[in-house]
Amino acid sequence: MSLLHWLAHADALNQLVAVVLCAMSVLSWVLIIYKTWLLSVANRDLSLCQAAWSQAQDWQHLQTTWGAVDSQKLFVGLLRSPLEATAHGLLAAEASHEDRLSSGLRQALQSIRRRLQFGQDMLATMGATSPFIGLLGTVWGIYHALISLAQTGQYTLDKVTQPVGESLVMTAAGLGVAIPAVMAYNLLGRRLASMDATLDALAFDLRAYFLSQVR
C-alpha cells in the first residue's frame, strides 16, 4: 500500500514514468507473444513449402500444394514474383530475364522479411530505453524525497529509507521491462536468422528452376 500511496501522491513526472513503463511492459509482452506465435507458424509453413517444392510433380502442382500449406500467405510471393518479372518486367525494358527474375525474387524476400521482422525494432528500443526511464523516475523521486525532508527538518532513518526505497522501485520496474524485451529480441533474432538462410536457399532454387525453363 505504501508504494501505491507514494504513486498517488507523486508529482506528474513520476506518475508519467510509471504510466510509460506500464505501457512499455504491456506492449513488449504483446509483441513477444505475437512474434513467438508468428515465427512458430512461419517456420512450420516454410518447412512445408520446402517439402512441397522438393516433391512437386510440375509447376501447377507446386502452386496448389504451396498455397495449401502457406497458411499465413507469407511465402506465396516467391512463386508470384518470377511470373510477374516475366510478364511485366521489374527493371528497364533492356534488362535481361535473369536480372528481372533476380529483382522479383529479391523484392519478394524483402517483403517476407519485413513481415517477419515486425516489432523487432520496438523490442530493441524498449529493452534499451526502459532502464533509463526507470532510473529517471528513481532520481526524480529521491530528489523530491530529500527536498521534502529538508523542508520538514526530519532526518531520522525511517523518514529517509521509506521514500528512497519507494523511488528505487522505478529502477526495478525499468529492468522488469528491459530484461524480457532484450531476451526475446535475441531469441527471436536467432530464429529469424535461421529462417532467413532457409529462405535464401529456397529462392536460389526457384531462380535456378526458372532460368533452366527459359534456357
N, C-alpha and C. Protein backbone atom coordinates (compact mmCIF):
# COMPACT_ATOMS: atom_id res chain seq x y z
N MET A 1 0.82 -1.21 0.00
CA MET A 1 0.00 0.00 0.00
C MET A 1 0.85 1.26 0.00
N SER A 2 2.05 1.18 0.63
CA SER A 2 2.89 2.37 0.69
C SER A 2 3.34 2.80 -0.71
N LEU A 3 3.62 1.83 -1.58
CA LEU A 3 4.02 2.16 -2.94
C LEU A 3 2.88 2.82 -3.70
N LEU A 4 1.69 2.27 -3.57
CA LEU A 4 0.53 2.88 -4.22
C LEU A 4 0.26 4.26 -3.66
N HIS A 5 0.42 4.39 -2.38
CA HIS A 5 0.22 5.71 -1.76
C HIS A 5 1.26 6.69 -2.28
N TRP A 6 2.49 6.21 -2.44
CA TRP A 6 3.54 7.09 -2.97
C TRP A 6 3.25 7.52 -4.40
N LEU A 7 2.79 6.56 -5.25
CA LEU A 7 2.45 6.91 -6.62
C LEU A 7 1.27 7.87 -6.69
N ALA A 8 0.30 7.65 -5.80
CA ALA A 8 -0.88 8.54 -5.80
C ALA A 8 -0.51 9.96 -5.43
N HIS A 9 0.50 10.12 -4.60
CA HIS A 9 0.89 11.45 -4.15
C HIS A 9 2.17 11.95 -4.83
N ALA A 10 2.66 11.20 -5.82
CA ALA A 10 3.85 11.63 -6.54
C ALA A 10 3.51 12.76 -7.49
N ASP A 11 4.55 13.44 -7.96
CA ASP A 11 4.31 14.54 -8.89
C ASP A 11 4.05 13.99 -10.29
N ALA A 12 3.81 14.89 -11.24
CA ALA A 12 3.40 14.49 -12.58
C ALA A 12 4.47 13.67 -13.29
N LEU A 13 5.74 14.01 -13.10
CA LEU A 13 6.80 13.29 -13.81
C LEU A 13 6.89 11.84 -13.35
N ASN A 14 6.85 11.61 -12.05
CA ASN A 14 6.91 10.23 -11.56
C ASN A 14 5.69 9.42 -12.00
N GLN A 15 4.53 10.03 -12.00
CA GLN A 15 3.34 9.33 -12.47
C GLN A 15 3.44 9.02 -13.96
N LEU A 16 4.02 9.98 -14.71
CA LEU A 16 4.21 9.75 -16.15
C LEU A 16 5.18 8.61 -16.39
N VAL A 17 6.27 8.57 -15.64
CA VAL A 17 7.24 7.47 -15.77
C VAL A 17 6.58 6.13 -15.48
N ALA A 18 5.76 6.08 -14.43
CA ALA A 18 5.07 4.84 -14.08
C ALA A 18 4.13 4.40 -15.20
N VAL A 19 3.40 5.34 -15.78
CA VAL A 19 2.47 5.01 -16.87
C VAL A 19 3.24 4.54 -18.10
N VAL A 20 4.35 5.22 -18.43
CA VAL A 20 5.14 4.84 -19.60
C VAL A 20 5.72 3.44 -19.43
N LEU A 21 6.27 3.14 -18.25
CA LEU A 21 6.83 1.81 -18.02
C LEU A 21 5.76 0.73 -18.07
N CYS A 22 4.59 1.02 -17.55
CA CYS A 22 3.49 0.06 -17.61
C CYS A 22 3.07 -0.20 -19.05
N ALA A 23 2.96 0.89 -19.84
CA ALA A 23 2.58 0.73 -21.25
C ALA A 23 3.65 -0.03 -22.02
N MET A 24 4.93 0.24 -21.75
CA MET A 24 6.01 -0.47 -22.43
C MET A 24 6.01 -1.95 -22.06
N SER A 25 5.72 -2.25 -20.81
CA SER A 25 5.67 -3.65 -20.40
C SER A 25 4.55 -4.40 -21.12
N VAL A 26 3.37 -3.80 -21.18
CA VAL A 26 2.25 -4.43 -21.87
C VAL A 26 2.56 -4.62 -23.34
N LEU A 27 3.08 -3.57 -23.98
CA LEU A 27 3.39 -3.64 -25.41
C LEU A 27 4.46 -4.69 -25.69
N SER A 28 5.49 -4.74 -24.86
CA SER A 28 6.56 -5.71 -25.10
C SER A 28 6.04 -7.15 -24.99
N TRP A 29 5.18 -7.41 -24.01
CA TRP A 29 4.66 -8.77 -23.87
C TRP A 29 3.70 -9.13 -24.99
N VAL A 30 2.93 -8.14 -25.46
CA VAL A 30 2.07 -8.40 -26.62
C VAL A 30 2.92 -8.75 -27.84
N LEU A 31 4.00 -8.00 -28.06
CA LEU A 31 4.89 -8.29 -29.19
C LEU A 31 5.57 -9.64 -29.03
N ILE A 32 6.01 -9.95 -27.82
CA ILE A 32 6.69 -11.22 -27.60
C ILE A 32 5.76 -12.39 -27.90
N ILE A 33 4.53 -12.31 -27.40
CA ILE A 33 3.57 -13.40 -27.63
C ILE A 33 3.21 -13.50 -29.11
N TYR A 34 2.95 -12.34 -29.73
CA TYR A 34 2.56 -12.34 -31.15
C TYR A 34 3.69 -12.87 -32.03
N LYS A 35 4.91 -12.38 -31.80
CA LYS A 35 6.01 -12.79 -32.66
C LYS A 35 6.41 -14.25 -32.42
N THR A 36 6.29 -14.71 -31.20
CA THR A 36 6.57 -16.13 -30.94
C THR A 36 5.59 -17.01 -31.72
N TRP A 37 4.32 -16.61 -31.70
CA TRP A 37 3.31 -17.36 -32.48
C TRP A 37 3.59 -17.26 -33.97
N LEU A 38 3.84 -16.04 -34.46
CA LEU A 38 4.04 -15.84 -35.90
C LEU A 38 5.24 -16.62 -36.41
N LEU A 39 6.36 -16.56 -35.71
CA LEU A 39 7.56 -17.25 -36.18
C LEU A 39 7.41 -18.77 -36.07
N SER A 40 6.66 -19.22 -35.08
CA SER A 40 6.42 -20.67 -34.99
C SER A 40 5.60 -21.15 -36.17
N VAL A 41 4.54 -20.42 -36.49
CA VAL A 41 3.71 -20.78 -37.65
C VAL A 41 4.50 -20.63 -38.94
N ALA A 42 5.25 -19.54 -39.07
CA ALA A 42 6.02 -19.29 -40.29
C ALA A 42 7.09 -20.36 -40.50
N ASN A 43 7.74 -20.76 -39.43
CA ASN A 43 8.77 -21.79 -39.54
C ASN A 43 8.17 -23.12 -39.98
N ARG A 44 6.99 -23.44 -39.43
CA ARG A 44 6.31 -24.67 -39.86
C ARG A 44 5.90 -24.59 -41.32
N ASP A 45 5.30 -23.46 -41.72
CA ASP A 45 4.86 -23.29 -43.11
C ASP A 45 6.04 -23.31 -44.07
N LEU A 46 7.16 -22.71 -43.66
CA LEU A 46 8.34 -22.70 -44.53
C LEU A 46 8.86 -24.12 -44.76
N SER A 47 8.85 -24.93 -43.71
CA SER A 47 9.27 -26.33 -43.87
C SER A 47 8.34 -27.08 -44.82
N LEU A 48 7.04 -26.79 -44.71
CA LEU A 48 6.07 -27.44 -45.60
C LEU A 48 6.23 -26.95 -47.04
N CYS A 49 6.55 -25.68 -47.21
CA CYS A 49 6.79 -25.15 -48.55
C CYS A 49 8.03 -25.79 -49.17
N GLN A 50 9.06 -25.98 -48.37
CA GLN A 50 10.25 -26.68 -48.86
C GLN A 50 9.90 -28.10 -49.30
N ALA A 51 9.09 -28.77 -48.49
CA ALA A 51 8.68 -30.13 -48.85
C ALA A 51 7.85 -30.12 -50.13
N ALA A 52 6.97 -29.13 -50.26
CA ALA A 52 6.16 -29.03 -51.48
C ALA A 52 7.04 -28.81 -52.70
N TRP A 53 8.08 -28.00 -52.55
CA TRP A 53 8.99 -27.75 -53.66
C TRP A 53 9.75 -29.01 -54.05
N SER A 54 10.22 -29.75 -53.08
CA SER A 54 11.02 -30.94 -53.37
C SER A 54 10.18 -32.09 -53.91
N GLN A 55 8.88 -32.10 -53.62
CA GLN A 55 8.02 -33.21 -54.03
C GLN A 55 7.09 -32.84 -55.18
N ALA A 56 7.18 -31.61 -55.67
CA ALA A 56 6.24 -31.17 -56.72
C ALA A 56 6.48 -31.94 -58.02
N GLN A 57 5.39 -32.31 -58.67
CA GLN A 57 5.48 -33.03 -59.93
C GLN A 57 5.57 -32.07 -61.12
N ASP A 58 4.93 -30.92 -60.99
CA ASP A 58 5.02 -29.89 -62.03
C ASP A 58 4.69 -28.55 -61.37
N TRP A 59 4.74 -27.49 -62.19
CA TRP A 59 4.54 -26.14 -61.64
C TRP A 59 3.14 -25.96 -61.08
N GLN A 60 2.13 -26.47 -61.75
CA GLN A 60 0.76 -26.34 -61.28
C GLN A 60 0.57 -27.07 -59.95
N HIS A 61 1.16 -28.24 -59.85
CA HIS A 61 1.07 -28.99 -58.60
C HIS A 61 1.77 -28.25 -57.46
N LEU A 62 2.90 -27.63 -57.79
CA LEU A 62 3.63 -26.85 -56.78
C LEU A 62 2.79 -25.68 -56.29
N GLN A 63 2.16 -24.94 -57.19
CA GLN A 63 1.34 -23.80 -56.80
C GLN A 63 0.18 -24.22 -55.91
N THR A 64 -0.46 -25.32 -56.26
CA THR A 64 -1.60 -25.80 -55.48
C THR A 64 -1.16 -26.24 -54.08
N THR A 65 -0.11 -27.02 -54.02
CA THR A 65 0.36 -27.51 -52.72
C THR A 65 0.91 -26.39 -51.86
N TRP A 66 1.68 -25.51 -52.48
CA TRP A 66 2.28 -24.37 -51.76
C TRP A 66 1.19 -23.49 -51.15
N GLY A 67 0.18 -23.18 -51.94
CA GLY A 67 -0.91 -22.34 -51.43
C GLY A 67 -1.67 -22.98 -50.29
N ALA A 68 -1.74 -24.32 -50.29
CA ALA A 68 -2.47 -25.01 -49.23
C ALA A 68 -1.69 -25.02 -47.92
N VAL A 69 -0.37 -25.11 -47.98
CA VAL A 69 0.42 -25.22 -46.75
C VAL A 69 0.86 -23.86 -46.21
N ASP A 70 0.83 -22.83 -47.04
CA ASP A 70 1.23 -21.48 -46.62
C ASP A 70 0.04 -20.80 -45.95
N SER A 71 -0.20 -21.14 -44.68
CA SER A 71 -1.43 -20.71 -44.00
C SER A 71 -1.52 -19.20 -43.82
N GLN A 72 -0.40 -18.52 -43.61
CA GLN A 72 -0.39 -17.07 -43.40
C GLN A 72 -0.09 -16.30 -44.68
N LYS A 73 0.03 -17.01 -45.82
CA LYS A 73 0.33 -16.39 -47.11
C LYS A 73 1.59 -15.52 -47.03
N LEU A 74 2.57 -16.02 -46.31
CA LEU A 74 3.83 -15.30 -46.17
C LEU A 74 4.76 -15.51 -47.35
N PHE A 75 4.77 -16.73 -47.89
CA PHE A 75 5.79 -17.12 -48.86
C PHE A 75 5.27 -17.25 -50.28
N VAL A 76 3.99 -16.98 -50.48
CA VAL A 76 3.42 -17.14 -51.82
C VAL A 76 4.04 -16.17 -52.81
N GLY A 77 4.56 -15.04 -52.31
CA GLY A 77 5.20 -14.08 -53.20
C GLY A 77 6.41 -14.63 -53.93
N LEU A 78 7.05 -15.65 -53.36
CA LEU A 78 8.19 -16.27 -54.03
C LEU A 78 7.79 -16.96 -55.32
N LEU A 79 6.55 -17.43 -55.38
CA LEU A 79 6.07 -18.06 -56.61
C LEU A 79 5.52 -17.04 -57.59
N ARG A 80 4.95 -15.95 -57.07
CA ARG A 80 4.38 -14.93 -57.95
C ARG A 80 5.43 -14.07 -58.61
N SER A 81 6.51 -13.78 -57.87
CA SER A 81 7.50 -12.82 -58.37
C SER A 81 8.15 -13.25 -59.68
N PRO A 82 8.48 -14.53 -59.88
CA PRO A 82 9.05 -14.89 -61.18
C PRO A 82 8.07 -14.68 -62.32
N LEU A 83 6.80 -14.98 -62.09
CA LEU A 83 5.80 -14.78 -63.13
C LEU A 83 5.62 -13.30 -63.44
N GLU A 84 5.59 -12.47 -62.40
CA GLU A 84 5.44 -11.03 -62.59
C GLU A 84 6.66 -10.45 -63.29
N ALA A 85 7.82 -10.96 -62.97
CA ALA A 85 9.03 -10.49 -63.63
C ALA A 85 9.01 -10.83 -65.11
N THR A 86 8.47 -12.00 -65.43
CA THR A 86 8.40 -12.41 -66.83
C THR A 86 7.35 -11.62 -67.59
N ALA A 87 6.20 -11.36 -66.93
CA ALA A 87 5.10 -10.72 -67.64
C ALA A 87 5.27 -9.22 -67.76
N HIS A 88 5.75 -8.56 -66.70
CA HIS A 88 5.75 -7.11 -66.67
C HIS A 88 7.15 -6.51 -66.67
N GLY A 89 8.11 -7.23 -66.17
CA GLY A 89 9.45 -6.67 -66.08
C GLY A 89 9.60 -5.76 -64.88
N LEU A 90 10.62 -5.98 -64.11
CA LEU A 90 10.82 -5.20 -62.90
C LEU A 90 11.97 -4.22 -63.06
N LEU A 91 12.71 -4.30 -64.16
CA LEU A 91 13.76 -3.35 -64.47
C LEU A 91 13.45 -2.68 -65.79
N ALA A 92 14.44 -2.05 -66.34
CA ALA A 92 14.23 -1.41 -67.64
C ALA A 92 13.96 -2.47 -68.70
N ALA A 93 13.41 -2.02 -69.80
CA ALA A 93 13.00 -2.96 -70.84
C ALA A 93 14.17 -3.74 -71.40
N GLU A 94 15.36 -3.13 -71.40
CA GLU A 94 16.52 -3.81 -71.97
C GLU A 94 17.18 -4.79 -71.00
N ALA A 95 16.70 -4.86 -69.76
CA ALA A 95 17.29 -5.78 -68.80
C ALA A 95 17.01 -7.22 -69.21
N SER A 96 17.93 -8.09 -68.87
CA SER A 96 17.78 -9.49 -69.23
C SER A 96 16.72 -10.16 -68.34
N HIS A 97 16.25 -11.31 -68.78
CA HIS A 97 15.28 -12.06 -67.98
C HIS A 97 15.89 -12.46 -66.65
N GLU A 98 17.17 -12.78 -66.64
CA GLU A 98 17.83 -13.16 -65.40
C GLU A 98 17.82 -12.01 -64.39
N ASP A 99 18.05 -10.79 -64.88
CA ASP A 99 18.02 -9.63 -63.99
C ASP A 99 16.63 -9.38 -63.44
N ARG A 100 15.63 -9.50 -64.32
CA ARG A 100 14.26 -9.28 -63.86
C ARG A 100 13.84 -10.34 -62.84
N LEU A 101 14.25 -11.56 -63.09
CA LEU A 101 13.92 -12.64 -62.17
C LEU A 101 14.59 -12.43 -60.81
N SER A 102 15.85 -12.06 -60.82
CA SER A 102 16.57 -11.81 -59.57
C SER A 102 15.94 -10.66 -58.80
N SER A 103 15.54 -9.62 -59.52
CA SER A 103 14.91 -8.47 -58.85
C SER A 103 13.57 -8.85 -58.25
N GLY A 104 12.79 -9.64 -58.97
CA GLY A 104 11.49 -10.05 -58.44
C GLY A 104 11.62 -10.90 -57.20
N LEU A 105 12.55 -11.84 -57.20
CA LEU A 105 12.76 -12.68 -56.02
C LEU A 105 13.30 -11.85 -54.85
N ARG A 106 14.18 -10.89 -55.16
CA ARG A 106 14.73 -10.06 -54.09
C ARG A 106 13.63 -9.23 -53.43
N GLN A 107 12.72 -8.68 -54.23
CA GLN A 107 11.62 -7.90 -53.66
C GLN A 107 10.68 -8.78 -52.85
N ALA A 108 10.45 -10.00 -53.31
CA ALA A 108 9.59 -10.92 -52.56
C ALA A 108 10.23 -11.26 -51.22
N LEU A 109 11.53 -11.50 -51.22
CA LEU A 109 12.23 -11.79 -49.97
C LEU A 109 12.18 -10.61 -49.01
N GLN A 110 12.34 -9.41 -49.53
CA GLN A 110 12.29 -8.22 -48.68
C GLN A 110 10.91 -8.06 -48.05
N SER A 111 9.86 -8.35 -48.82
CA SER A 111 8.50 -8.26 -48.28
C SER A 111 8.28 -9.29 -47.17
N ILE A 112 8.78 -10.51 -47.36
CA ILE A 112 8.65 -11.54 -46.33
C ILE A 112 9.41 -11.13 -45.08
N ARG A 113 10.62 -10.63 -45.25
CA ARG A 113 11.43 -10.24 -44.10
C ARG A 113 10.81 -9.10 -43.32
N ARG A 114 10.19 -8.16 -44.02
CA ARG A 114 9.53 -7.05 -43.32
C ARG A 114 8.43 -7.58 -42.41
N ARG A 115 7.66 -8.53 -42.89
CA ARG A 115 6.59 -9.09 -42.07
C ARG A 115 7.13 -9.89 -40.90
N LEU A 116 8.17 -10.66 -41.14
CA LEU A 116 8.72 -11.49 -40.07
C LEU A 116 9.45 -10.66 -39.02
N GLN A 117 10.06 -9.56 -39.44
CA GLN A 117 10.85 -8.74 -38.53
C GLN A 117 10.02 -7.65 -37.83
N PHE A 118 8.73 -7.62 -38.10
CA PHE A 118 7.89 -6.61 -37.47
C PHE A 118 8.00 -6.70 -35.94
N GLY A 119 8.22 -5.56 -35.30
CA GLY A 119 8.29 -5.50 -33.86
C GLY A 119 9.67 -5.67 -33.27
N GLN A 120 10.65 -6.12 -34.09
CA GLN A 120 12.00 -6.31 -33.56
C GLN A 120 12.61 -4.97 -33.11
N ASP A 121 12.40 -3.93 -33.92
CA ASP A 121 12.95 -2.62 -33.55
C ASP A 121 12.32 -2.10 -32.26
N MET A 122 11.02 -2.34 -32.10
CA MET A 122 10.36 -1.87 -30.88
C MET A 122 10.86 -2.61 -29.65
N LEU A 123 11.08 -3.92 -29.78
CA LEU A 123 11.62 -4.68 -28.66
C LEU A 123 13.02 -4.18 -28.29
N ALA A 124 13.84 -3.93 -29.31
CA ALA A 124 15.19 -3.43 -29.04
C ALA A 124 15.15 -2.06 -28.38
N THR A 125 14.25 -1.19 -28.87
CA THR A 125 14.15 0.16 -28.31
C THR A 125 13.69 0.12 -26.85
N MET A 126 12.67 -0.68 -26.57
CA MET A 126 12.18 -0.77 -25.19
C MET A 126 13.21 -1.41 -24.26
N GLY A 127 13.93 -2.41 -24.78
CA GLY A 127 14.95 -3.03 -23.96
C GLY A 127 16.10 -2.08 -23.64
N ALA A 128 16.39 -1.16 -24.56
CA ALA A 128 17.50 -0.23 -24.35
C ALA A 128 17.12 0.99 -23.52
N THR A 129 15.87 1.44 -23.64
CA THR A 129 15.50 2.71 -23.01
C THR A 129 14.79 2.56 -21.66
N SER A 130 14.11 1.45 -21.42
CA SER A 130 13.31 1.34 -20.20
C SER A 130 14.15 1.43 -18.91
N PRO A 131 15.39 0.88 -18.85
CA PRO A 131 16.15 1.07 -17.61
C PRO A 131 16.44 2.54 -17.31
N PHE A 132 16.69 3.33 -18.35
CA PHE A 132 16.99 4.75 -18.14
C PHE A 132 15.73 5.54 -17.76
N ILE A 133 14.58 5.10 -18.30
CA ILE A 133 13.33 5.75 -17.89
C ILE A 133 13.06 5.46 -16.41
N GLY A 134 13.26 4.20 -16.02
CA GLY A 134 13.10 3.86 -14.61
C GLY A 134 14.09 4.60 -13.73
N LEU A 135 15.34 4.75 -14.20
CA LEU A 135 16.34 5.49 -13.43
C LEU A 135 15.96 6.95 -13.29
N LEU A 136 15.37 7.52 -14.34
CA LEU A 136 14.90 8.90 -14.25
C LEU A 136 13.86 9.04 -13.15
N GLY A 137 12.91 8.09 -13.10
CA GLY A 137 11.90 8.15 -12.04
C GLY A 137 12.52 8.00 -10.66
N THR A 138 13.53 7.15 -10.55
CA THR A 138 14.20 6.97 -9.26
C THR A 138 14.92 8.24 -8.82
N VAL A 139 15.70 8.82 -9.71
CA VAL A 139 16.45 10.03 -9.37
C VAL A 139 15.50 11.17 -9.01
N TRP A 140 14.45 11.31 -9.80
CA TRP A 140 13.49 12.39 -9.53
C TRP A 140 12.77 12.15 -8.20
N GLY A 141 12.42 10.90 -7.91
CA GLY A 141 11.74 10.60 -6.65
C GLY A 141 12.63 10.84 -5.45
N ILE A 142 13.91 10.43 -5.55
CA ILE A 142 14.84 10.66 -4.44
C ILE A 142 15.07 12.16 -4.24
N TYR A 143 15.17 12.89 -5.32
CA TYR A 143 15.37 14.34 -5.21
C TYR A 143 14.21 14.99 -4.46
N HIS A 144 12.98 14.63 -4.83
CA HIS A 144 11.82 15.22 -4.16
C HIS A 144 11.72 14.75 -2.71
N ALA A 145 12.11 13.49 -2.44
CA ALA A 145 12.08 13.00 -1.07
C ALA A 145 13.06 13.77 -0.20
N LEU A 146 14.24 14.04 -0.72
CA LEU A 146 15.24 14.79 0.05
C LEU A 146 14.81 16.24 0.25
N ILE A 147 14.19 16.82 -0.77
CA ILE A 147 13.68 18.19 -0.63
C ILE A 147 12.61 18.24 0.45
N SER A 148 11.73 17.24 0.46
CA SER A 148 10.67 17.21 1.46
C SER A 148 11.23 17.04 2.87
N LEU A 149 12.26 16.19 3.00
CA LEU A 149 12.88 16.01 4.31
C LEU A 149 13.58 17.28 4.77
N ALA A 150 14.19 17.99 3.84
CA ALA A 150 14.86 19.23 4.20
C ALA A 150 13.86 20.27 4.68
N GLN A 151 12.68 20.29 4.08
CA GLN A 151 11.67 21.27 4.48
C GLN A 151 11.08 20.95 5.85
N THR A 152 10.93 19.65 6.13
CA THR A 152 10.36 19.27 7.42
C THR A 152 11.41 19.22 8.53
N GLY A 153 12.66 19.07 8.14
CA GLY A 153 13.74 19.01 9.12
C GLY A 153 13.81 17.69 9.86
N GLN A 154 13.15 16.65 9.35
CA GLN A 154 13.16 15.33 10.00
C GLN A 154 14.10 14.41 9.23
N TYR A 155 15.24 14.08 9.84
CA TYR A 155 16.26 13.29 9.16
C TYR A 155 16.45 11.91 9.81
N THR A 156 15.42 11.41 10.44
CA THR A 156 15.52 10.08 11.03
C THR A 156 15.61 9.03 9.94
N LEU A 157 16.15 7.85 10.31
CA LEU A 157 16.41 6.81 9.33
C LEU A 157 15.14 6.35 8.61
N ASP A 158 14.06 6.18 9.36
CA ASP A 158 12.82 5.72 8.73
C ASP A 158 12.25 6.74 7.77
N LYS A 159 12.46 8.01 8.07
CA LYS A 159 11.96 9.06 7.18
C LYS A 159 12.75 9.13 5.88
N VAL A 160 13.99 8.64 5.90
CA VAL A 160 14.82 8.66 4.69
C VAL A 160 14.65 7.39 3.87
N THR A 161 14.67 6.24 4.54
CA THR A 161 14.67 4.97 3.81
C THR A 161 13.36 4.69 3.09
N GLN A 162 12.24 5.10 3.66
CA GLN A 162 10.96 4.79 3.01
C GLN A 162 10.81 5.47 1.65
N PRO A 163 10.95 6.79 1.53
CA PRO A 163 10.79 7.40 0.21
C PRO A 163 11.88 6.99 -0.77
N VAL A 164 13.11 6.81 -0.26
CA VAL A 164 14.20 6.39 -1.16
C VAL A 164 13.94 4.97 -1.67
N GLY A 165 13.52 4.08 -0.78
CA GLY A 165 13.21 2.72 -1.20
C GLY A 165 12.07 2.66 -2.21
N GLU A 166 11.05 3.48 -1.99
CA GLU A 166 9.94 3.51 -2.93
C GLU A 166 10.38 4.05 -4.28
N SER A 167 11.28 5.01 -4.27
CA SER A 167 11.78 5.56 -5.54
C SER A 167 12.59 4.53 -6.31
N LEU A 168 13.33 3.68 -5.59
CA LEU A 168 14.15 2.66 -6.26
C LEU A 168 13.30 1.63 -6.99
N VAL A 169 12.03 1.54 -6.65
CA VAL A 169 11.15 0.61 -7.35
C VAL A 169 11.07 0.97 -8.83
N MET A 170 11.21 2.24 -9.16
CA MET A 170 11.17 2.67 -10.55
C MET A 170 12.30 2.03 -11.35
N THR A 171 13.49 1.96 -10.76
CA THR A 171 14.61 1.30 -11.44
C THR A 171 14.32 -0.18 -11.64
N ALA A 172 13.77 -0.83 -10.62
CA ALA A 172 13.41 -2.24 -10.75
C ALA A 172 12.35 -2.44 -11.83
N ALA A 173 11.40 -1.50 -11.90
CA ALA A 173 10.36 -1.61 -12.93
C ALA A 173 10.96 -1.46 -14.32
N GLY A 174 11.92 -0.54 -14.47
CA GLY A 174 12.59 -0.39 -15.76
C GLY A 174 13.32 -1.65 -16.17
N LEU A 175 14.01 -2.29 -15.22
CA LEU A 175 14.69 -3.55 -15.52
C LEU A 175 13.70 -4.66 -15.81
N GLY A 176 12.53 -4.63 -15.14
CA GLY A 176 11.50 -5.62 -15.39
C GLY A 176 10.95 -5.54 -16.80
N VAL A 177 10.97 -4.35 -17.39
CA VAL A 177 10.57 -4.19 -18.79
C VAL A 177 11.70 -4.60 -19.72
N ALA A 178 12.92 -4.21 -19.37
CA ALA A 178 14.05 -4.39 -20.28
C ALA A 178 14.46 -5.85 -20.44
N ILE A 179 14.54 -6.58 -19.35
CA ILE A 179 15.09 -7.94 -19.40
C ILE A 179 14.28 -8.86 -20.33
N PRO A 180 12.93 -8.95 -20.20
CA PRO A 180 12.19 -9.80 -21.14
C PRO A 180 12.31 -9.31 -22.59
N ALA A 181 12.32 -7.98 -22.79
CA ALA A 181 12.40 -7.45 -24.15
C ALA A 181 13.72 -7.81 -24.81
N VAL A 182 14.83 -7.67 -24.07
CA VAL A 182 16.14 -7.98 -24.64
C VAL A 182 16.28 -9.48 -24.89
N MET A 183 15.83 -10.30 -23.95
CA MET A 183 15.92 -11.75 -24.14
C MET A 183 15.09 -12.19 -25.34
N ALA A 184 13.88 -11.65 -25.46
CA ALA A 184 13.03 -12.01 -26.60
C ALA A 184 13.64 -11.54 -27.92
N TYR A 185 14.21 -10.34 -27.92
CA TYR A 185 14.85 -9.82 -29.13
C TYR A 185 15.96 -10.75 -29.60
N ASN A 186 16.80 -11.21 -28.68
CA ASN A 186 17.90 -12.08 -29.06
C ASN A 186 17.42 -13.46 -29.51
N LEU A 187 16.47 -14.04 -28.77
CA LEU A 187 15.97 -15.37 -29.13
C LEU A 187 15.23 -15.35 -30.47
N LEU A 188 14.36 -14.36 -30.64
CA LEU A 188 13.63 -14.25 -31.89
C LEU A 188 14.55 -13.90 -33.04
N GLY A 189 15.59 -13.11 -32.76
CA GLY A 189 16.55 -12.76 -33.80
C GLY A 189 17.29 -13.97 -34.33
N ARG A 190 17.65 -14.90 -33.44
CA ARG A 190 18.32 -16.13 -33.88
C ARG A 190 17.39 -16.97 -34.75
N ARG A 191 16.11 -17.03 -34.36
CA ARG A 191 15.17 -17.79 -35.19
C ARG A 191 14.98 -17.13 -36.55
N LEU A 192 14.94 -15.81 -36.58
CA LEU A 192 14.82 -15.08 -37.84
C LEU A 192 16.03 -15.34 -38.73
N ALA A 193 17.22 -15.35 -38.15
CA ALA A 193 18.43 -15.60 -38.94
C ALA A 193 18.40 -16.99 -39.56
N SER A 194 17.92 -17.99 -38.81
CA SER A 194 17.83 -19.34 -39.34
C SER A 194 16.82 -19.42 -40.49
N MET A 195 15.67 -18.77 -40.31
CA MET A 195 14.67 -18.76 -41.38
C MET A 195 15.16 -18.00 -42.59
N ASP A 196 15.93 -16.94 -42.36
CA ASP A 196 16.44 -16.14 -43.46
C ASP A 196 17.36 -16.97 -44.36
N ALA A 197 18.20 -17.79 -43.74
CA ALA A 197 19.08 -18.66 -44.53
C ALA A 197 18.28 -19.66 -45.35
N THR A 198 17.22 -20.20 -44.76
CA THR A 198 16.37 -21.15 -45.48
C THR A 198 15.65 -20.47 -46.64
N LEU A 199 15.18 -19.25 -46.42
CA LEU A 199 14.52 -18.50 -47.49
C LEU A 199 15.46 -18.23 -48.65
N ASP A 200 16.69 -17.85 -48.34
CA ASP A 200 17.67 -17.59 -49.40
C ASP A 200 17.91 -18.84 -50.23
N ALA A 201 18.03 -19.98 -49.57
CA ALA A 201 18.27 -21.23 -50.30
C ALA A 201 17.07 -21.59 -51.18
N LEU A 202 15.87 -21.38 -50.66
CA LEU A 202 14.67 -21.69 -51.44
C LEU A 202 14.55 -20.76 -52.64
N ALA A 203 14.82 -19.47 -52.43
CA ALA A 203 14.77 -18.51 -53.53
C ALA A 203 15.81 -18.84 -54.59
N PHE A 204 16.98 -19.29 -54.18
CA PHE A 204 18.03 -19.68 -55.14
C PHE A 204 17.57 -20.86 -55.98
N ASP A 205 16.92 -21.84 -55.35
CA ASP A 205 16.42 -23.00 -56.10
C ASP A 205 15.35 -22.58 -57.10
N LEU A 206 14.45 -21.69 -56.69
CA LEU A 206 13.41 -21.22 -57.61
C LEU A 206 14.02 -20.46 -58.78
N ARG A 207 15.01 -19.65 -58.49
CA ARG A 207 15.67 -18.90 -59.56
C ARG A 207 16.34 -19.84 -60.55
N ALA A 208 17.01 -20.86 -60.05
CA ALA A 208 17.66 -21.82 -60.93
C ALA A 208 16.64 -22.55 -61.80
N TYR A 209 15.49 -22.89 -61.21
CA TYR A 209 14.45 -23.58 -61.96
C TYR A 209 13.93 -22.71 -63.11
N PHE A 210 13.62 -21.45 -62.81
CA PHE A 210 13.07 -20.58 -63.85
C PHE A 210 14.09 -20.29 -64.95
N LEU A 211 15.35 -20.15 -64.59
CA LEU A 211 16.37 -19.92 -65.59
C LEU A 211 16.53 -21.15 -66.49
N SER A 212 16.41 -22.34 -65.91
CA SER A 212 16.51 -23.55 -66.73
C SER A 212 15.33 -23.66 -67.67
N GLN A 213 14.14 -23.19 -67.26
CA GLN A 213 12.98 -23.22 -68.15
C GLN A 213 13.14 -22.25 -69.31
N VAL A 214 13.75 -21.10 -69.04
CA VAL A 214 13.96 -20.12 -70.11
C VAL A 214 14.95 -20.65 -71.12
N ARG A 215 16.03 -21.27 -70.59
CA ARG A 215 17.04 -21.78 -71.50
C ARG A 215 16.51 -22.98 -72.32
